[in-house]
PDB file of N, CA and C in Angstrom:
ATOM      1  N   MET A   1     -12.126  -6.402   0.053  1.00  0.00           N
ATOM      2  CA  MET A   1     -11.023  -5.542   0.394  1.00  0.00           C
ATOM      3  C   MET A   1     -10.529  -5.931   1.791  1.00  0.00           C
ATOM      4  N   SER A   2      -9.236  -6.123   1.921  1.00  0.00           N
ATOM      5  CA  SER A   2      -8.632  -6.482   3.203  1.00  0.00           C
ATOM      6  C   SER A   2      -7.736  -5.348   3.674  1.00  0.00           C
ATOM      7  N   GLU A   3      -8.110  -4.741   4.780  1.00  0.00           N
ATOM      8  CA  GLU A   3      -7.269  -3.687   5.337  1.00  0.00           C
ATOM      9  C   GLU A   3      -6.087  -4.331   6.027  1.00  0.00           C
ATOM     10  N   VAL A   4      -4.904  -3.824   5.739  1.00  0.00           N
ATOM     11  CA  VAL A   4      -3.685  -4.339   6.353  1.00  0.00           C
ATOM     12  C   VAL A   4      -3.362  -3.516   7.601  1.00  0.00           C
ATOM     13  N   PHE A   5      -3.403  -2.181   7.478  1.00  0.00           N
ATOM     14  CA  PHE A   5      -3.244  -1.317   8.640  1.00  0.00           C
ATOM     15  C   PHE A   5      -3.688   0.099   8.287  1.00  0.00           C
ATOM     16  N   ARG A   6      -3.880   0.886   9.342  1.00  0.00           N
ATOM     17  CA  ARG A   6      -4.295   2.277   9.206  1.00  0.00           C
ATOM     18  C   ARG A   6      -3.428   3.090  10.159  1.00  0.00           C
ATOM     19  N   ILE A   7      -2.834   4.159   9.636  1.00  0.00           N
ATOM     20  CA  ILE A   7      -1.958   4.990  10.455  1.00  0.00           C
ATOM     21  C   ILE A   7      -1.911   6.406   9.876  1.00  0.00           C
ATOM     22  N   GLU A   8      -1.929   7.395  10.758  1.00  0.00           N
ATOM     23  CA  GLU A   8      -1.819   8.800  10.366  1.00  0.00           C
ATOM     24  C   GLU A   8      -2.844   9.196   9.304  1.00  0.00           C
ATOM     25  N   GLY A   9      -3.977   8.552   9.292  1.00  0.00           N
ATOM     26  CA  GLY A   9      -5.004   8.854   8.306  1.00  0.00           C
ATOM     27  C   GLY A   9      -4.848   8.105   6.992  1.00  0.00           C
ATOM     28  N   PHE A  10      -3.757   7.360   6.817  1.00  0.00           N
ATOM     29  CA  PHE A  10      -3.531   6.542   5.617  1.00  0.00           C
ATOM     30  C   PHE A  10      -4.125   5.162   5.868  1.00  0.00           C
ATOM     31  N   ARG A  11      -4.831   4.641   4.872  1.00  0.00           N
ATOM     32  CA  ARG A  11      -5.398   3.290   4.970  1.00  0.00           C
ATOM     33  C   ARG A  11      -4.723   2.420   3.919  1.00  0.00           C
ATOM     34  N   PHE A  12      -4.078   1.360   4.359  1.00  0.00           N
ATOM     35  CA  PHE A  12      -3.341   0.448   3.486  1.00  0.00           C
ATOM     36  C   PHE A  12      -4.150  -0.839   3.349  1.00  0.00           C
ATOM     37  N   PHE A  13      -4.388  -1.253   2.108  1.00  0.00           N
ATOM     38  CA  PHE A  13      -5.246  -2.415   1.882  1.00  0.00           C
ATOM     39  C   PHE A  13      -4.930  -3.059   0.546  1.00  0.00           C
ATOM     40  N   PHE A  14      -5.481  -4.262   0.340  1.00  0.00           N
ATOM     41  CA  PHE A  14      -5.478  -4.886  -0.974  1.00  0.00           C
ATOM     42  C   PHE A  14      -6.818  -5.557  -1.182  1.00  0.00           C
ATOM     43  N   TYR A  15      -7.096  -5.890  -2.436  1.00  0.00           N
ATOM     44  CA  TYR A  15      -8.356  -6.539  -2.790  1.00  0.00           C
ATOM     45  C   TYR A  15      -8.165  -8.044  -2.769  1.00  0.00           C
ATOM     46  N   SER A  16      -9.234  -8.759  -2.453  1.00  0.00           N
ATOM     47  CA  SER A  16      -9.144 -10.213  -2.317  1.00  0.00           C
ATOM     48  C   SER A  16      -8.802 -10.920  -3.626  1.00  0.00           C
ATOM     49  N   ASN A  17      -9.016 -10.271  -4.752  1.00  0.00           N
ATOM     50  CA  ASN A  17      -8.695 -10.882  -6.044  1.00  0.00           C
ATOM     51  C   ASN A  17      -7.481 -10.224  -6.698  1.00  0.00           C
ATOM     52  N   ASP A  18      -6.641  -9.577  -5.900  1.00  0.00           N
ATOM     53  CA  ASP A  18      -5.474  -8.891  -6.453  1.00  0.00           C
ATOM     54  C   ASP A  18      -4.501  -9.864  -7.105  1.00  0.00           C
ATOM     55  N   HIS A  19      -3.631  -9.336  -7.902  1.00  0.00           N
ATOM     56  CA  HIS A  19      -2.689 -10.090  -8.721  1.00  0.00           C
ATOM     57  C   HIS A  19      -1.270  -9.717  -8.332  1.00  0.00           C
ATOM     58  N   ARG A  20      -0.335 -10.539  -8.712  1.00  0.00           N
ATOM     59  CA  ARG A  20       1.089 -10.237  -8.512  1.00  0.00           C
ATOM     60  C   ARG A  20       1.528  -9.170  -9.504  1.00  0.00           C
ATOM     61  N   PRO A  21       2.558  -8.445  -9.237  1.00  0.00           N
ATOM     62  CA  PRO A  21       3.437  -8.529  -8.088  1.00  0.00           C
ATOM     63  C   PRO A  21       2.730  -8.040  -6.823  1.00  0.00           C
ATOM     64  N   ILE A  22       3.336  -8.374  -5.681  1.00  0.00           N
ATOM     65  CA  ILE A  22       2.771  -7.911  -4.413  1.00  0.00           C
ATOM     66  C   ILE A  22       2.716  -6.387  -4.449  1.00  0.00           C
ATOM     67  N   HIS A  23       1.544  -5.861  -4.120  1.00  0.00           N
ATOM     68  CA  HIS A  23       1.378  -4.409  -4.095  1.00  0.00           C
ATOM     69  C   HIS A  23       0.336  -4.041  -3.053  1.00  0.00           C
ATOM     70  N   ILE A  24       0.350  -2.776  -2.665  1.00  0.00           N
ATOM     71  CA  ILE A  24      -0.565  -2.294  -1.636  1.00  0.00           C
ATOM     72  C   ILE A  24      -1.249  -1.021  -2.131  1.00  0.00           C
ATOM     73  N   HIS A  25      -2.541  -0.932  -1.887  1.00  0.00           N
ATOM     74  CA  HIS A  25      -3.309   0.269  -2.196  1.00  0.00           C
ATOM     75  C   HIS A  25      -3.302   1.143  -0.947  1.00  0.00           C
ATOM     76  N   VAL A  26      -3.234   2.450  -1.144  1.00  0.00           N
ATOM     77  CA  VAL A  26      -3.222   3.392  -0.034  1.00  0.00           C
ATOM     78  C   VAL A  26      -4.229   4.492  -0.326  1.00  0.00           C
ATOM     79  N   ARG A  27      -5.116   4.757   0.630  1.00  0.00           N
ATOM     80  CA  ARG A  27      -6.050   5.881   0.515  1.00  0.00           C
ATOM     81  C   ARG A  27      -5.759   6.881   1.604  1.00  0.00           C
ATOM     82  N   TYR A  28      -5.814   8.134   1.205  1.00  0.00           N
ATOM     83  CA  TYR A  28      -5.633   9.229   2.152  1.00  0.00           C
ATOM     84  C   TYR A  28      -6.473  10.385   1.652  1.00  0.00           C
ATOM     85  N   GLY A  29      -7.370  10.879   2.497  1.00  0.00           N
ATOM     86  CA  GLY A  29      -8.274  11.935   2.039  1.00  0.00           C
ATOM     87  C   GLY A  29      -9.046  11.427   0.836  1.00  0.00           C
ATOM     88  N   GLY A  30      -9.053  12.199  -0.224  1.00  0.00           N
ATOM     89  CA  GLY A  30      -9.746  11.794  -1.440  1.00  0.00           C
ATOM     90  C   GLY A  30      -8.858  11.133  -2.472  1.00  0.00           C
ATOM     91  N   GLY A  31      -7.605  10.882  -2.129  1.00  0.00           N
ATOM     92  CA  GLY A  31      -6.665  10.324  -3.103  1.00  0.00           C
ATOM     93  C   GLY A  31      -6.334   8.876  -2.832  1.00  0.00           C
ATOM     94  N   GLU A  32      -5.706   8.266  -3.822  1.00  0.00           N
ATOM     95  CA  GLU A  32      -5.292   6.862  -3.712  1.00  0.00           C
ATOM     96  C   GLU A  32      -4.011   6.648  -4.487  1.00  0.00           C
ATOM     97  N   ALA A  33      -3.197   5.724  -3.999  1.00  0.00           N
ATOM     98  CA  ALA A  33      -1.963   5.346  -4.677  1.00  0.00           C
ATOM     99  C   ALA A  33      -1.799   3.838  -4.579  1.00  0.00           C
ATOM    100  N   VAL A  34      -0.958   3.298  -5.452  1.00  0.00           N
ATOM    101  CA  VAL A  34      -0.617   1.877  -5.417  1.00  0.00           C
ATOM    102  C   VAL A  34       0.904   1.778  -5.436  1.00  0.00           C
ATOM    103  N   PHE A  35       1.436   1.007  -4.496  1.00  0.00           N
ATOM    104  CA  PHE A  35       2.874   0.790  -4.406  1.00  0.00           C
ATOM    105  C   PHE A  35       3.174  -0.688  -4.598  1.00  0.00           C
ATOM    106  N   VAL A  36       4.150  -0.988  -5.435  1.00  0.00           N
ATOM    107  CA  VAL A  36       4.649  -2.351  -5.590  1.00  0.00           C
ATOM    108  C   VAL A  36       5.587  -2.598  -4.414  1.00  0.00           C
ATOM    109  N   VAL A  37       5.448  -3.760  -3.786  1.00  0.00           N
ATOM    110  CA  VAL A  37       6.240  -4.089  -2.606  1.00  0.00           C
ATOM    111  C   VAL A  37       7.097  -5.296  -2.939  1.00  0.00           C
ATOM    112  N   GLU A  38       8.324  -5.016  -3.338  1.00  0.00           N
ATOM    113  CA  GLU A  38       9.273  -6.097  -3.631  1.00  0.00           C
ATOM    114  C   GLU A  38      10.529  -5.808  -2.838  1.00  0.00           C
ATOM    115  N   ASP A  39      11.700  -5.825  -3.453  1.00  0.00           N
ATOM    116  CA  ASP A  39      12.921  -5.478  -2.716  1.00  0.00           C
ATOM    117  C   ASP A  39      12.802  -4.079  -2.133  1.00  0.00           C
ATOM    118  N   ARG A  40      12.227  -3.192  -2.937  1.00  0.00           N
ATOM    119  CA  ARG A  40      11.960  -1.819  -2.511  1.00  0.00           C
ATOM    120  C   ARG A  40      10.480  -1.550  -2.710  1.00  0.00           C
ATOM    121  N   VAL A  41       9.991  -0.530  -2.052  1.00  0.00           N
ATOM    122  CA  VAL A  41       8.613  -0.084  -2.244  1.00  0.00           C
ATOM    123  C   VAL A  41       8.652   1.015  -3.303  1.00  0.00           C
ATOM    124  N   GLU A  42       7.935   0.787  -4.408  1.00  0.00           N
ATOM    125  CA  GLU A  42       7.953   1.749  -5.514  1.00  0.00           C
ATOM    126  C   GLU A  42       6.545   2.127  -5.926  1.00  0.00           C
ATOM    127  N   LEU A  43       6.356   3.404  -6.200  1.00  0.00           N
ATOM    128  CA  LEU A  43       5.063   3.907  -6.644  1.00  0.00           C
ATOM    129  C   LEU A  43       4.731   3.363  -8.026  1.00  0.00           C
ATOM    130  N   ARG A  44       3.534   2.803  -8.165  1.00  0.00           N
ATOM    131  CA  ARG A  44       3.058   2.331  -9.468  1.00  0.00           C
ATOM    132  C   ARG A  44       2.113   3.343 -10.097  1.00  0.00           C
ATOM    133  N   GLU A  45       1.212   3.896  -9.281  1.00  0.00           N
ATOM    134  CA  GLU A  45       0.271   4.887  -9.797  1.00  0.00           C
ATOM    135  C   GLU A  45      -0.326   5.671  -8.642  1.00  0.00           C
ATOM    136  N   SER A  46      -0.839   6.857  -8.947  1.00  0.00           N
ATOM    137  CA  SER A  46      -1.510   7.642  -7.913  1.00  0.00           C
ATOM    138  C   SER A  46      -2.484   8.619  -8.547  1.00  0.00           C
ATOM    139  N   GLN A  47      -3.474   8.978  -7.747  1.00  0.00           N
ATOM    140  CA  GLN A  47      -4.457   9.988  -8.136  1.00  0.00           C
ATOM    141  C   GLN A  47      -4.832  10.785  -6.905  1.00  0.00           C
ATOM    142  N   GLY A  48      -4.733  12.087  -7.007  1.00  0.00           N
ATOM    143  CA  GLY A  48      -5.250  12.958  -5.978  1.00  0.00           C
ATOM    144  C   GLY A  48      -4.423  13.102  -4.718  1.00  0.00           C
ATOM    145  N   LEU A  49      -3.215  12.583  -4.702  1.00  0.00           N
ATOM    146  CA  LEU A  49      -2.341  12.752  -3.547  1.00  0.00           C
ATOM    147  C   LEU A  49      -1.219  13.725  -3.887  1.00  0.00           C
ATOM    148  N   LYS A  50      -0.872  14.569  -2.924  1.00  0.00           N
ATOM    149  CA  LYS A  50       0.228  15.523  -3.090  1.00  0.00           C
ATOM    150  C   LYS A  50       1.556  14.800  -2.906  1.00  0.00           C
ATOM    151  N   ALA A  51       2.615  15.407  -3.397  1.00  0.00           N
ATOM    152  CA  ALA A  51       3.950  14.797  -3.320  1.00  0.00           C
ATOM    153  C   ALA A  51       4.325  14.459  -1.882  1.00  0.00           C
ATOM    154  N   LEU A  52       4.032  15.334  -0.941  1.00  0.00           N
ATOM    155  CA  LEU A  52       4.351  15.082   0.461  1.00  0.00           C
ATOM    156  C   LEU A  52       3.573  13.884   0.996  1.00  0.00           C
ATOM    157  N   GLU A  53       2.313  13.750   0.605  1.00  0.00           N
ATOM    158  CA  GLU A  53       1.485  12.616   1.027  1.00  0.00           C
ATOM    159  C   GLU A  53       1.996  11.308   0.420  1.00  0.00           C
ATOM    160  N   LEU A  54       2.394  11.363  -0.831  1.00  0.00           N
ATOM    161  CA  LEU A  54       2.951  10.172  -1.488  1.00  0.00           C
ATOM    162  C   LEU A  54       4.242   9.729  -0.817  1.00  0.00           C
ATOM    163  N   ARG A  55       5.082  10.696  -0.486  1.00  0.00           N
ATOM    164  CA  ARG A  55       6.347  10.371   0.167  1.00  0.00           C
ATOM    165  C   ARG A  55       6.094   9.712   1.524  1.00  0.00           C
ATOM    166  N   ARG A  56       5.157  10.255   2.295  1.00  0.00           N
ATOM    167  CA  ARG A  56       4.853   9.675   3.601  1.00  0.00           C
ATOM    168  C   ARG A  56       4.229   8.290   3.466  1.00  0.00           C
ATOM    169  N   ALA A  57       3.346   8.118   2.486  1.00  0.00           N
ATOM    170  CA  ALA A  57       2.736   6.805   2.252  1.00  0.00           C
ATOM    171  C   ALA A  57       3.803   5.777   1.902  1.00  0.00           C
ATOM    172  N   ARG A  58       4.763   6.159   1.064  1.00  0.00           N
ATOM    173  CA  ARG A  58       5.843   5.241   0.700  1.00  0.00           C
ATOM    174  C   ARG A  58       6.698   4.904   1.918  1.00  0.00           C
ATOM    175  N   GLU A  59       6.993   5.901   2.743  1.00  0.00           N
ATOM    176  CA  GLU A  59       7.772   5.649   3.959  1.00  0.00           C
ATOM    177  C   GLU A  59       7.054   4.671   4.886  1.00  0.00           C
ATOM    178  N   LEU A  60       5.750   4.865   5.061  1.00  0.00           N
ATOM    179  CA  LEU A  60       4.977   3.970   5.926  1.00  0.00           C
ATOM    180  C   LEU A  60       4.926   2.555   5.354  1.00  0.00           C
ATOM    181  N   ALA A  61       4.773   2.456   4.039  1.00  0.00           N
ATOM    182  CA  ALA A  61       4.762   1.133   3.404  1.00  0.00           C
ATOM    183  C   ALA A  61       6.119   0.453   3.575  1.00  0.00           C
ATOM    184  N   GLU A  62       7.191   1.213   3.454  1.00  0.00           N
ATOM    185  CA  GLU A  62       8.534   0.665   3.632  1.00  0.00           C
ATOM    186  C   GLU A  62       8.720   0.191   5.075  1.00  0.00           C
ATOM    187  N   GLU A  63       8.268   0.985   6.042  1.00  0.00           N
ATOM    188  CA  GLU A  63       8.385   0.622   7.453  1.00  0.00           C
ATOM    189  C   GLU A  63       7.598  -0.643   7.783  1.00  0.00           C
ATOM    190  N   HIS A  64       6.495  -0.866   7.084  1.00  0.00           N
ATOM    191  CA  HIS A  64       5.618  -2.001   7.369  1.00  0.00           C
ATOM    192  C   HIS A  64       5.651  -3.057   6.257  1.00  0.00           C
ATOM    193  N   LYS A  65       6.720  -3.070   5.501  1.00  0.00           N
ATOM    194  CA  LYS A  65       6.840  -3.971   4.349  1.00  0.00           C
ATOM    195  C   LYS A  65       6.682  -5.440   4.749  1.00  0.00           C
ATOM    196  N   ASN A  66       7.280  -5.854   5.836  1.00  0.00           N
ATOM    197  CA  ASN A  66       7.170  -7.263   6.261  1.00  0.00           C
ATOM    198  C   ASN A  66       5.725  -7.631   6.568  1.00  0.00           C
ATOM    199  N   LEU A  67       5.004  -6.732   7.215  1.00  0.00           N
ATOM    200  CA  LEU A  67       3.593  -6.963   7.516  1.00  0.00           C
ATOM    201  C   LEU A  67       2.782  -7.077   6.225  1.00  0.00           C
ATOM    202  N   ILE A  68       3.027  -6.189   5.273  1.00  0.00           N
ATOM    203  CA  ILE A  68       2.305  -6.203   3.998  1.00  0.00           C
ATOM    204  C   ILE A  68       2.530  -7.540   3.285  1.00  0.00           C
ATOM    205  N   VAL A  69       3.770  -7.968   3.194  1.00  0.00           N
ATOM    206  CA  VAL A  69       4.092  -9.221   2.508  1.00  0.00           C
ATOM    207  C   VAL A  69       3.466 -10.403   3.240  1.00  0.00           C
ATOM    208  N   ARG A  70       3.542 -10.399   4.565  1.00  0.00           N
ATOM    209  CA  ARG A  70       2.950 -11.500   5.338  1.00  0.00           C
ATOM    210  C   ARG A  70       1.445 -11.584   5.135  1.00  0.00           C
ATOM    211  N   LYS A  71       0.748 -10.442   5.192  1.00  0.00           N
ATOM    212  CA  LYS A  71      -0.700 -10.423   4.999  1.00  0.00           C
ATOM    213  C   LYS A  71      -1.067 -10.834   3.582  1.00  0.00           C
ATOM    214  N   TRP A  72      -0.294 -10.395   2.600  1.00  0.00           N
ATOM    215  CA  TRP A  72      -0.534 -10.792   1.206  1.00  0.00           C
ATOM    216  C   TRP A  72      -0.473 -12.319   1.089  1.00  0.00           C
ATOM    217  N   ASN A  73       0.594 -12.897   1.641  1.00  0.00           N
ATOM    218  CA  ASN A  73       0.781 -14.337   1.550  1.00  0.00           C
ATOM    219  C   ASN A  73      -0.313 -15.102   2.289  1.00  0.00           C
ATOM    220  N   GLU A  74      -0.786 -14.578   3.407  1.00  0.00           N
ATOM    221  CA  GLU A  74      -1.857 -15.230   4.155  1.00  0.00           C
ATOM    222  C   GLU A  74      -3.182 -15.199   3.392  1.00  0.00           C
ATOM    223  N   CYS A  75      -3.444 -14.095   2.724  1.00  0.00           N
ATOM    224  CA  CYS A  75      -4.755 -13.889   2.107  1.00  0.00           C
ATOM    225  C   CYS A  75      -4.824 -14.218   0.623  1.00  0.00           C
ATOM    226  N   LEU A  76      -3.709 -14.069  -0.088  1.00  0.00           N
ATOM    227  CA  LEU A  76      -3.792 -14.152  -1.551  1.00  0.00           C
ATOM    228  C   LEU A  76      -2.971 -15.267  -2.169  1.00  0.00           C
ATOM    229  N   ASP A  77      -2.049 -15.823  -1.473  1.00  0.00           N
ATOM    230  CA  ASP A  77      -1.260 -16.912  -2.087  1.00  0.00           C
ATOM    231  C   ASP A  77      -1.862 -18.266  -1.786  1.00  0.00           C
TER     232      ASP A  77
END
């Protein structure tokens, strides 16, 4: 597991054997979500996160999209 960044209690990461499309896993509290990171950041799946937490996680992923893509390319491509 490679952590990309941590902010506001959200931990953004991907696994070393992850597959395309580019996506990021997010953990917050006891919940987790996965967002696809392409032209836009879109929710793929989630468990245990409230709507407000999901919205904030998506906003943070959107704000750090360039970092996510760069780290993905460094580690997985």
